[in-house]
Amino acid sequence: MSNCSPPSRGETRSKFMMVHTYIILK
């Protein structure tokens, strides 16, 4: 359970950054 928390937060930030970059590139 403790290992599920850290990765969840990191993935959210990575996805957010990817989306942000996609929008900027658009």
N, C-alpha and C. Protein backbone atom coordinates (compact mmCIF):
# COMPACT_ATOMS: atom_id res chain seq x y z
N MET A 1 0.85 -1.20 0.00
CA MET A 1 0.00 0.00 0.00
C MET A 1 0.89 1.26 0.00
N SER A 2 1.96 1.20 0.76
CA SER A 2 2.84 2.38 0.86
C SER A 2 3.53 2.61 -0.49
N ASN A 3 3.78 1.52 -1.20
CA ASN A 3 4.48 1.65 -2.50
C ASN A 3 3.50 2.15 -3.57
N CYS A 4 2.21 2.02 -3.30
CA CYS A 4 1.20 2.43 -4.31
C CYS A 4 1.02 3.95 -4.28
N SER A 5 1.35 4.55 -3.16
CA SER A 5 1.14 6.01 -3.02
C SER A 5 2.20 6.81 -3.80
N PRO A 6 3.46 6.55 -3.59
CA PRO A 6 4.53 7.32 -4.27
C PRO A 6 4.42 7.24 -5.79
N PRO A 7 4.30 6.05 -6.35
CA PRO A 7 4.23 5.91 -7.83
C PRO A 7 3.00 6.63 -8.38
N SER A 8 1.91 6.58 -7.66
CA SER A 8 0.66 7.22 -8.14
C SER A 8 0.91 8.72 -8.32
N ARG A 9 1.59 9.32 -7.38
CA ARG A 9 1.83 10.78 -7.43
C ARG A 9 2.82 11.08 -8.57
N GLY A 10 3.85 10.27 -8.69
CA GLY A 10 4.85 10.51 -9.74
C GLY A 10 4.23 10.36 -11.12
N GLU A 11 3.37 9.37 -11.27
CA GLU A 11 2.76 9.16 -12.60
C GLU A 11 1.84 10.34 -12.94
N THR A 12 1.14 10.83 -11.96
CA THR A 12 0.22 11.95 -12.21
C THR A 12 1.01 13.17 -12.70
N ARG A 13 2.15 13.39 -12.10
CA ARG A 13 2.95 14.59 -12.47
C ARG A 13 3.51 14.37 -13.89
N SER A 14 3.94 13.15 -14.16
CA SER A 14 4.52 12.85 -15.49
C SER A 14 3.45 13.04 -16.57
N LYS A 15 2.26 12.56 -16.27
CA LYS A 15 1.15 12.68 -17.26
C LYS A 15 0.79 14.15 -17.44
N PHE A 16 0.75 14.87 -16.35
CA PHE A 16 0.39 16.30 -16.41
C PHE A 16 1.42 17.06 -17.26
N MET A 17 2.69 16.73 -17.04
CA MET A 17 3.76 17.40 -17.80
C MET A 17 3.63 17.06 -19.29
N MET A 18 3.32 15.81 -19.57
CA MET A 18 3.19 15.37 -20.97
C MET A 18 2.04 16.13 -21.64
N VAL A 19 0.94 16.24 -20.94
CA VAL A 19 -0.22 16.95 -21.50
C VAL A 19 0.11 18.42 -21.71
N HIS A 20 0.79 18.99 -20.73
CA HIS A 20 1.15 20.42 -20.82
C HIS A 20 2.06 20.66 -22.04
N THR A 21 3.02 19.76 -22.21
CA THR A 21 3.95 19.90 -23.35
C THR A 21 3.18 19.74 -24.66
N TYR A 22 2.23 18.80 -24.66
CA TYR A 22 1.43 18.57 -25.88
C TYR A 22 0.64 19.83 -26.25
N ILE A 23 0.06 20.44 -25.23
CA ILE A 23 -0.74 21.65 -25.49
C ILE A 23 0.17 22.79 -25.99
N ILE A 24 1.34 22.90 -25.38
CA ILE A 24 2.27 23.98 -25.80
C ILE A 24 2.73 23.73 -27.23
N LEU A 25 2.97 22.47 -27.56
CA LEU A 25 3.44 22.13 -28.91
C LEU A 25 2.33 22.42 -29.92
N LYS A 26 1.11 22.21 -29.48
CA LYS A 26 -0.05 22.42 -30.38
C LYS A 26 -0.10 23.89 -30.72
